[in-house]
Protein backbone atom coordinates (compact mmCIF):
# COMPACT_ATOMS: atom_id res chain seq x y z
CA MET A 1 10.52 89.95 18.02
CA ALA A 2 14.41 90.32 17.90
CA LEU A 3 14.73 87.72 20.68
CA GLN A 4 12.42 85.34 18.87
CA TRP A 5 14.54 85.71 15.73
CA VAL A 6 17.79 85.08 17.75
CA MET A 7 16.33 82.05 19.37
CA ALA A 8 15.20 80.52 16.04
CA GLU A 9 18.56 81.20 14.57
CA VAL A 10 20.24 79.47 17.44
CA GLN A 11 17.99 76.55 17.04
CA ARG A 12 19.59 75.79 13.56
CA THR A 13 23.25 75.82 15.01
CA THR A 14 25.18 74.11 17.85
CA THR A 15 26.26 77.50 19.29
CA GLY A 16 24.37 79.51 21.73
CA TRP A 17 22.10 78.69 24.65
CA PHE A 18 19.24 76.15 24.53
CA PRO A 19 16.43 75.76 27.03
CA VAL A 20 16.19 72.09 27.54
CA ALA A 21 14.07 71.35 30.69
CA ARG A 22 12.35 73.10 33.70
CA ALA A 23 14.81 73.00 36.67
CA THR A 24 12.09 71.31 38.73
CA ALA A 25 12.04 68.37 36.40
CA VAL A 26 15.61 67.33 36.94
CA GLY A 27 16.43 65.22 39.75
CA THR A 28 18.65 62.16 40.34
CA THR A 29 17.07 60.22 37.59
CA PRO A 30 18.47 61.12 34.04
CA VAL A 31 16.40 63.03 31.94
CA PRO A 32 16.75 62.82 28.02
CA VAL A 33 17.07 66.23 26.21
CA GLY A 34 18.10 67.80 22.92
CA ALA A 35 20.22 70.77 22.27
CA GLY A 36 21.45 71.89 18.84
CA GLY A 37 20.44 68.59 17.38
CA ARG A 38 22.51 66.54 19.90
CA ALA A 39 21.24 64.24 22.63
CA TYR A 40 22.15 64.63 26.14
CA VAL A 41 20.95 63.52 29.68
CA LEU A 42 20.58 65.85 32.62
CA VAL A 43 20.82 64.77 36.16
CA ARG A 44 21.68 65.91 39.63
CA LEU A 45 24.29 63.59 40.89
CA ARG A 46 23.30 64.27 44.49
CA PRO A 47 19.79 65.25 45.93
CA GLY A 48 19.52 69.09 45.49
CA GLY A 49 22.85 69.39 43.90
CA GLU A 50 23.70 71.33 40.80
CA VAL A 51 22.65 69.97 37.23
CA SER A 52 24.97 68.02 35.24
CA ALA A 53 24.76 67.25 31.52
CA PHE A 54 26.22 64.26 29.67
CA PRO A 55 26.17 62.74 26.21
CA ALA A 56 23.37 60.41 25.79
CA ARG A 57 25.45 57.17 25.35
CA CYS A 58 28.14 55.46 27.34
CA PRO A 59 31.29 55.15 25.17
CA HIS A 60 31.70 51.49 26.22
CA ARG A 61 28.84 49.77 24.66
CA LEU A 62 26.93 52.71 23.48
CA VAL A 63 24.03 52.21 25.88
CA PRO A 64 21.57 54.98 26.66
CA LEU A 65 22.55 56.73 29.87
CA THR A 66 18.85 57.40 30.55
CA ALA A 67 18.85 54.29 32.39
CA ALA A 68 21.87 55.12 34.38
CA THR A 69 21.60 55.68 38.19
CA THR A 70 23.34 58.02 40.65
CA VAL A 71 25.85 56.45 43.12
CA ASP A 72 27.98 58.44 45.41
CA GLY A 73 27.97 61.61 43.44
CA THR A 74 28.68 59.77 40.03
CA LEU A 75 26.52 58.57 37.23
CA GLN A 76 26.69 54.76 36.83
CA CYS A 77 26.06 52.95 33.61
CA PRO A 78 23.49 50.16 34.06
CA TYR A 79 25.33 47.73 31.97
CA HIS A 80 28.71 47.45 33.24
CA GLY A 81 28.78 49.84 36.21
CA TRP A 82 31.13 52.49 34.64
CA ARG A 83 31.06 55.54 36.66
CA PHE A 84 31.49 59.25 35.63
CA ASP A 85 31.91 62.50 37.69
CA GLY A 86 30.25 65.69 37.16
CA ASP A 87 32.86 66.62 34.62
CA GLY A 88 32.38 63.55 32.55
CA ARG A 89 35.62 61.91 33.76
CA CYS A 90 35.37 58.08 34.07
CA VAL A 91 36.51 57.42 37.55
CA ASP A 92 35.70 53.54 37.86
CA VAL A 93 35.67 50.63 35.40
CA PRO A 94 34.86 47.67 37.76
CA SER A 95 36.18 44.97 35.46
CA LEU A 96 39.65 46.41 35.52
CA GLY A 97 39.89 46.05 39.35
CA PRO A 98 40.96 48.58 41.84
CA ALA A 99 44.25 49.14 40.47
CA GLY A 100 43.04 49.51 36.82
CA SER A 101 43.00 53.01 35.19
CA PRO A 102 40.11 53.81 32.79
CA PRO A 103 41.38 54.50 29.29
CA PRO A 104 41.20 58.17 28.09
CA ARG A 105 38.60 57.49 25.59
CA ALA A 106 36.29 56.44 28.49
CA ASP A 107 35.66 59.99 29.56
CA LEU A 108 32.35 61.64 28.44
CA THR A 109 32.37 65.04 26.61
CA PRO A 110 29.85 67.16 28.25
CA PRO A 111 28.44 70.32 26.65
CA TRP A 112 30.53 73.50 26.91
CA ALA A 113 28.18 74.94 29.68
CA VAL A 114 25.24 74.04 31.83
CA GLU A 115 23.22 76.92 33.45
CA GLU A 116 20.12 76.84 35.66
CA ARG A 117 18.39 80.19 35.26
CA HIS A 118 15.00 81.67 35.14
CA GLY A 119 13.55 78.26 36.22
CA TRP A 120 15.04 76.46 33.26
CA VAL A 121 18.13 74.48 32.63
CA TRP A 122 20.02 75.72 29.70
CA LEU A 123 22.78 74.06 27.67
CA ALA A 124 25.50 75.60 25.41
CA PRO A 125 26.88 72.58 23.42
CA GLU A 126 29.87 74.60 22.14
CA ARG A 127 31.61 77.72 23.35
CA THR A 128 29.50 80.77 22.97
CA ALA A 129 30.18 84.46 23.10
CA VAL A 130 27.03 85.04 25.21
CA ALA A 131 28.11 84.48 28.82
CA LEU A 132 24.68 83.71 30.28
CA PRO A 133 21.36 82.44 28.88
CA PRO A 134 18.89 85.13 27.73
CA ARG A 135 15.83 86.01 29.89
CA PRO A 136 12.92 84.67 28.00
CA VAL A 137 9.95 87.01 27.07
CA SER A 138 7.64 83.97 27.00
CA PRO A 139 7.88 80.34 28.17
CA PRO A 140 10.63 78.59 26.19
CA GLU A 141 9.90 75.69 23.86
CA PRO A 142 12.60 73.03 24.22
CA GLU A 143 13.59 71.28 21.08
CA PRO A 144 12.42 67.68 20.65
CA VAL A 145 14.88 64.98 21.98
CA PRO A 146 16.90 63.72 18.90
CA ALA A 147 16.29 60.17 17.77
CA PRO A 148 18.74 57.73 19.06
CA ALA A 149 22.13 58.66 17.57
CA ASP A 150 23.59 56.55 14.77
CA LEU A 151 25.77 54.02 16.34
CA GLY A 152 27.90 54.10 13.39
CA GLY A 153 28.22 51.37 10.65
CA PRO A 154 28.18 48.76 9.80
CA LEU A 155 25.45 47.61 12.37
CA LEU A 156 24.29 44.07 12.51
CA ASP A 157 20.62 43.89 13.07
CA ASN A 158 17.93 41.19 12.85
CA LEU A 159 17.42 41.86 9.06
CA HIS A 160 20.99 42.06 7.83
CA PRO A 161 21.11 40.31 4.39
CA GLY A 162 24.37 38.73 5.39
CA LEU A 163 22.47 36.45 7.88
CA ARG A 164 20.50 34.54 5.08
CA HIS A 165 23.59 32.23 4.43
CA ALA A 166 23.76 30.87 7.95
CA TRP A 167 21.73 28.19 10.05
CA HIS A 168 19.17 29.57 12.49
CA PRO A 169 17.01 27.78 15.13
CA VAL A 170 13.34 27.90 14.25
CA ALA A 171 11.66 25.53 16.66
CA LEU A 172 12.46 22.79 19.24
CA SER A 173 12.05 19.37 17.61
CA ARG A 174 9.17 18.60 20.08
CA GLU A 175 7.14 21.73 19.01
CA LEU A 176 6.74 20.07 15.60
CA ARG A 177 4.60 17.01 15.82
CA PRO A 178 4.35 14.07 13.29
CA GLY A 179 2.03 15.14 10.60
CA GLY A 180 1.90 18.61 11.97
CA TRP A 181 3.08 22.16 10.92
CA LEU A 182 4.30 25.25 12.40
CA MET A 183 4.45 28.83 10.99
CA VAL A 184 7.74 30.57 12.10
CA ARG A 185 9.48 33.99 11.40
CA LEU A 186 12.97 34.40 10.39
CA LEU A 187 14.75 37.49 9.13
CA GLY A 188 11.41 39.30 8.47
CA ARG A 189 9.98 36.47 6.42
CA THR A 190 7.40 33.72 7.14
CA TRP A 191 8.14 30.18 6.76
CA VAL A 192 6.07 26.98 7.28
CA LEU A 193 7.57 23.84 8.64
CA ARG A 194 6.02 20.39 8.09
CA ARG A 195 6.92 17.04 9.59
CA THR A 196 6.07 14.13 7.21
CA ALA A 197 7.61 10.52 7.30
CA GLY A 198 10.17 11.40 9.79
CA SER A 199 11.57 14.52 8.06
CA VAL A 200 11.14 18.15 8.07
CA ALA A 201 10.10 20.18 4.93
CA VAL A 202 9.89 23.95 4.67
CA GLU A 203 7.90 26.28 2.38
CA PRO A 204 8.85 28.37 0.52
CA PRO A 205 11.95 26.76 -0.44
CA ALA A 206 15.03 27.55 1.51
CA GLY A 207 18.68 26.92 1.44
CA GLY A 208 18.41 24.10 3.83
CA VAL A 209 16.35 22.64 6.88
CA ARG A 210 17.66 20.07 9.30
CA GLU A 211 17.38 18.90 12.93
CA ARG A 212 20.32 18.68 15.44
CA GLY A 213 20.29 18.31 19.00
CA GLY A 214 16.58 18.65 19.52
CA VAL A 215 16.36 21.74 17.48
CA VAL A 216 14.98 22.44 13.94
CA GLU A 217 17.34 24.71 11.91
CA LEU A 218 16.69 26.74 8.87
CA ALA A 219 19.03 28.42 6.37
CA PRO A 220 17.18 31.01 4.15
CA ALA A 221 20.00 30.69 1.44
CA GLU A 222 22.67 28.07 0.91
CA PRO A 223 25.19 28.26 4.03
CA ALA A 224 28.88 28.47 3.06
CA GLY A 225 32.09 28.22 4.75
CA SER A 226 32.21 29.01 8.41
CA ALA A 227 28.36 29.40 8.62
CA ASP A 228 28.22 25.48 8.80
CA ALA A 229 30.67 25.19 11.64
CA PRO A 230 28.82 22.90 14.21
CA LEU A 231 28.36 23.85 17.93
CA ASP A 232 29.40 20.61 19.64
CA LEU A 233 27.50 19.49 22.66
CA PRO A 234 29.57 16.62 24.35
CA GLU A 235 27.17 16.83 27.30
CA VAL A 236 24.45 15.50 25.19
CA GLY A 237 24.45 11.70 25.31
CA ASP A 238 26.77 11.62 28.24
CA ARG A 239 25.04 9.51 30.94
CA ARG A 240 26.48 11.75 33.75
CA PHE A 241 24.38 14.72 32.62
CA VAL A 242 20.74 15.56 33.18
CA GLY A 243 19.06 18.49 31.56
CA ASP A 244 16.23 20.15 29.65
CA TRP A 245 15.25 22.92 27.45
CA LEU A 246 13.52 25.93 29.03
CA ALA A 247 10.24 27.12 27.22
CA PRO A 248 11.39 29.41 24.45
CA GLU A 249 11.25 33.22 25.28
CA ARG A 250 10.48 35.99 22.97
CA ALA A 251 12.68 39.06 23.47
CA ALA A 252 11.98 42.56 21.84
CA VAL A 253 15.78 43.01 21.22
CA PRO A 254 18.22 42.22 18.28
CA ALA A 255 19.88 38.95 18.63
CA GLY A 256 23.43 40.42 18.22
CA PRO A 257 23.45 42.59 21.43
CA LEU A 258 21.59 39.78 23.27
CA LEU A 259 24.28 37.28 22.43
CA ASP A 260 26.98 39.73 23.34
CA THR A 261 25.46 39.86 26.91
CA PHE A 262 25.46 36.00 27.21
CA LEU A 263 29.24 36.11 26.40
CA ASP A 264 29.97 38.93 28.81
CA ALA A 265 31.21 38.20 32.38
CA ALA A 266 31.62 41.92 33.22
CA HIS A 267 27.98 42.67 33.33
CA VAL A 268 27.12 39.85 35.80
CA PRO A 269 27.96 41.75 39.14
CA VAL A 270 25.94 44.86 37.85
CA VAL A 271 22.92 43.13 36.44
CA HIS A 272 22.70 40.01 38.30
CA GLY A 273 24.85 40.55 41.41
CA VAL A 274 25.44 36.81 41.90
CA GLY A 275 28.61 34.66 42.58
CA ARG A 276 32.02 35.61 43.25
CA LEU A 277 32.01 38.73 41.16
CA THR A 278 29.43 40.32 43.48
CA ALA A 279 32.19 41.03 45.98
CA ASP A 280 35.05 41.22 43.32
CA PRO A 281 33.93 42.75 40.13
CA GLU A 282 37.38 42.44 38.42
CA VAL A 283 37.13 40.07 35.52
CA PRO A 284 39.91 37.50 35.30
CA ALA A 285 42.01 37.22 31.98
CA VAL A 286 40.39 35.23 29.28
CA ASP A 287 42.22 33.19 26.61
CA VAL A 288 40.46 33.50 23.32
CA VAL A 289 41.28 31.10 20.37
CA GLU A 290 39.62 32.06 17.02
CA GLU A 291 38.25 29.17 15.01
CA PRO A 292 36.38 28.58 11.80
CA GLY A 293 33.04 30.04 12.47
CA GLY A 294 33.57 31.38 15.93
CA PHE A 295 35.96 30.77 18.84
CA THR A 296 36.58 29.14 22.10
CA ALA A 297 37.40 31.08 25.37
CA VAL A 298 38.64 29.71 28.60
CA GLN A 299 38.68 31.76 31.77
CA ASP A 300 39.69 30.81 35.40
CA LEU A 301 36.94 32.38 37.30
CA ASP A 302 38.91 32.23 40.60
CA ALA A 303 42.25 33.60 39.15
CA SER A 304 41.74 37.16 40.18
CA PRO A 305 44.11 38.85 42.79
CA HIS A 306 41.15 38.28 45.31
CA PRO A 307 40.02 34.69 45.26
CA PRO A 308 37.31 33.35 47.40
CA PRO A 309 38.47 32.23 50.75
CA ALA A 310 36.88 28.93 50.27
CA GLY A 311 34.98 26.77 47.71
CA PRO A 312 36.05 24.81 44.64
CA SER A 313 37.71 26.53 41.85
CA ARG A 314 35.78 27.13 38.64
CA VAL A 315 36.89 27.11 34.92
CA ALA A 316 34.57 28.77 32.34
CA THR A 317 34.56 27.60 28.69
CA SER A 318 32.72 29.54 26.14
CA VAL A 319 32.23 28.10 22.67
CA TYR A 320 30.70 30.30 20.08
CA ARG A 321 29.38 29.52 16.43
CA VAL A 322 28.08 32.16 14.12
CA PRO A 323 25.61 33.62 13.88
CA PHE A 324 23.86 33.19 17.24
CA ARG A 325 24.90 29.94 19.04
CA VAL A 326 26.92 29.55 22.21
CA ARG A 327 27.66 26.90 24.87
CA LEU A 328 28.65 28.26 28.23
CA ARG A 329 30.24 25.47 30.47
CA VAL A 330 31.44 25.94 34.10
CA ASP A 331 33.74 23.14 35.42
CA CYS A 332 34.65 22.63 39.08
CA PRO A 333 37.88 20.56 38.75
CA ARG A 334 37.98 19.74 42.39
CA THR A 335 34.73 18.06 42.47
CA GLY A 336 34.04 17.24 38.82
CA ALA A 337 30.85 19.01 38.75
CA VAL A 338 29.70 20.77 35.62
CA ARG A 339 27.02 23.21 34.42
CA THR A 340 26.33 23.98 30.89
CA LEU A 341 24.15 26.44 29.29
CA VAL A 342 23.23 26.38 25.61
CA HIS A 343 21.78 29.64 23.96
CA LEU A 344 20.45 29.65 20.53
CA LEU A 345 18.80 32.79 19.05
CA GLN A 346 16.21 33.11 16.24
CA PRO A 347 16.30 36.67 14.68
CA GLU A 348 12.49 36.89 13.81
CA ASP A 349 11.95 40.41 12.96
CA ALA A 350 13.70 43.80 13.59
CA ASP A 351 12.44 44.02 17.05
CA SER A 352 11.93 40.24 17.83
CA THR A 353 14.14 37.46 18.72
CA ARG A 354 13.24 33.91 19.93
CA VAL A 355 15.58 32.52 22.60
CA TYR A 356 16.17 28.89 23.13
CA THR A 357 18.01 27.87 26.22
CA ARG A 358 19.13 24.44 27.46
CA VAL A 359 20.48 23.60 30.80
CA LEU A 360 22.77 20.49 31.51
CA LEU A 361 24.11 19.30 34.87
CA SER A 362 26.60 16.76 36.07
CA ALA A 363 27.66 16.11 39.77
CA GLY A 364 30.89 14.65 38.47
CA PRO A 365 32.43 11.25 37.78
CA GLY A 366 31.34 8.49 40.24
CA ARG A 367 28.71 10.71 41.70
CA PRO A 368 24.89 10.32 41.67
CA LEU A 369 23.05 12.14 38.98
CA PRO A 370 21.70 15.57 39.96
CA GLY A 371 18.20 15.07 41.24
CA PRO A 372 14.91 16.80 40.05
CA ASP A 373 15.31 19.54 42.77
CA ALA A 374 18.84 20.30 41.70
CA LEU A 375 17.77 20.70 38.07
CA ALA A 376 14.64 22.66 39.07
CA ALA A 377 16.94 25.03 41.03
CA ALA A 378 19.40 25.39 38.20
CA VAL A 379 16.55 26.00 35.77
CA GLY A 380 15.14 28.55 38.15
CA ASP A 381 18.49 30.54 38.37
CA VAL A 382 18.93 30.44 34.53
CA ARG A 383 15.26 31.65 33.98
CA GLY A 384 15.84 34.48 36.49
CA ALA A 385 19.19 35.61 35.06
CA LEU A 386 17.50 35.47 31.49
CA ALA A 387 14.60 37.61 32.67
CA GLU A 388 17.05 40.21 34.12
CA ASP A 389 18.91 40.40 30.86
CA LEU A 390 15.91 40.75 28.82
CA GLU A 391 14.67 43.45 31.09
CA LEU A 392 17.99 45.38 30.75
CA HIS A 393 17.82 45.20 26.85
CA ALA A 394 14.27 46.45 26.99
CA GLN A 395 15.57 49.55 28.71
CA LEU A 396 18.71 49.94 26.36
CA GLY A 397 16.87 49.57 23.20
CA LEU A 398 19.90 48.81 21.13
CA PRO A 399 19.00 48.67 17.49
CA GLY A 400 21.78 46.22 16.55
CA LEU A 401 25.43 45.26 17.09
CA PRO A 402 28.18 47.61 15.81
CA LEU A 403 30.83 45.68 14.01
CA ARG A 404 33.51 48.30 13.48
CA PRO A 405 35.95 48.17 16.43
CA ARG A 406 36.40 51.92 16.72
CA GLU A 407 32.63 52.53 17.29
CA GLU A 408 32.94 51.20 20.90
CA LEU A 409 35.61 51.35 23.54
CA HIS A 410 36.96 47.91 24.46
CA VAL A 411 38.78 46.92 27.60
CA PRO A 412 40.46 43.61 28.34
CA ALA A 413 37.19 41.94 29.85
CA ASP A 414 35.61 42.59 26.40
CA ALA A 415 37.87 39.85 24.58
CA CYS A 416 34.78 37.62 23.86
CA GLY A 417 32.73 40.51 22.51
CA VAL A 418 35.61 41.62 20.32
CA ALA A 419 36.06 38.15 18.91
CA LEU A 420 32.16 37.97 18.45
CA ARG A 421 32.15 41.17 16.35
CA ARG A 422 35.07 39.87 14.13
CA ALA A 423 33.29 36.44 13.48
CA LEU A 424 29.99 38.22 12.66
CA ALA A 425 31.84 40.71 10.43
CA ASP A 426 33.39 38.01 8.44
CA LEU A 427 30.28 36.18 8.14
CA VAL A 428 28.22 38.88 6.72
CA ALA A 429 31.12 39.99 4.42
CA GLY A 430 31.31 36.55 2.97
CA ARG A 431 34.90 35.98 4.30
CA GLY A 432 34.05 32.85 6.32
């Protein structure tokens, strides 16, 4: 009875020993547990090794480490490949290159102690006067794993009221036939689009409805300031380009974190493993110029200290406009070839985002247009990368995008992500 009272008292504090999992249940795949109201993951960094415990989220983009993997005796985050040793020390940030040093805030703060005794793993979140876990008189009952920790505010999710004063894609123009109608979801509400006499009407009344570039856009309330900044697409109407829209995808993820991924070069070698960054994950410097309603970022993809031995140089240009519109263009100056992706996101409900993607290709001035096979190959590549991004976010389950800079840890490769957060913070605060 005395032991039961002690255990009950410990459960209401963060001091003492907490039985969190059977030892046999912990292997090289992270296991989520709770101790003293805090969320952790348990893992053996090598098969048969001792148990390590880490906080449940990576400090970089706050992704759950339950999706992490063990690599060479370290825990590797699934999003950007950051690695942590058994003491929680960050030992590798791939985007910084081999000479880069992880910032001090990159380290994880593990619990004060971890013990494997009596067939169980025990955690002491804070220093405790009891040197070893007690021997239980009956099978322990681990406390429930805490709900995902508060990511800190403010958090931009798909239902944020500040998104009402902005334009959002709600359909491809070809989806709304003459005389027809469509029922769409936006910001947790249902709207009906009708095409009559060459125009589009919406019910219930909204701040505005329009068509641009083959897309029907809706603003729930009157857009103001930067929310009306256009996303220019010079490739459309240029006879040197061919392209098409992919079939829209529906993702069970908020729009903010997903758009952040589209702008993020550092995740490419970890999630997609394609291109130059596969062998050289260091991310070249990016020049970001903030503009009304967004920014333009230019990056020489072959400007790292370890350029490819052969092949054309590539310059990437990202143009972003609030809230969820981006054009990603890669130019090969030596050949004149261009590949452009357009991503437009429709925040339907808290857990649903519709994704519109357009691919545009050019072989360069004076060259034949890319043929159907080249376009089909490019579309296949884009569709595959999009599927991998959506699968990643399904594992991460991020509820939204933190807008306060101190909530996450930023490194130089995150320049576009930082600018994205600033633009969205201005939009929802009405500062645009």
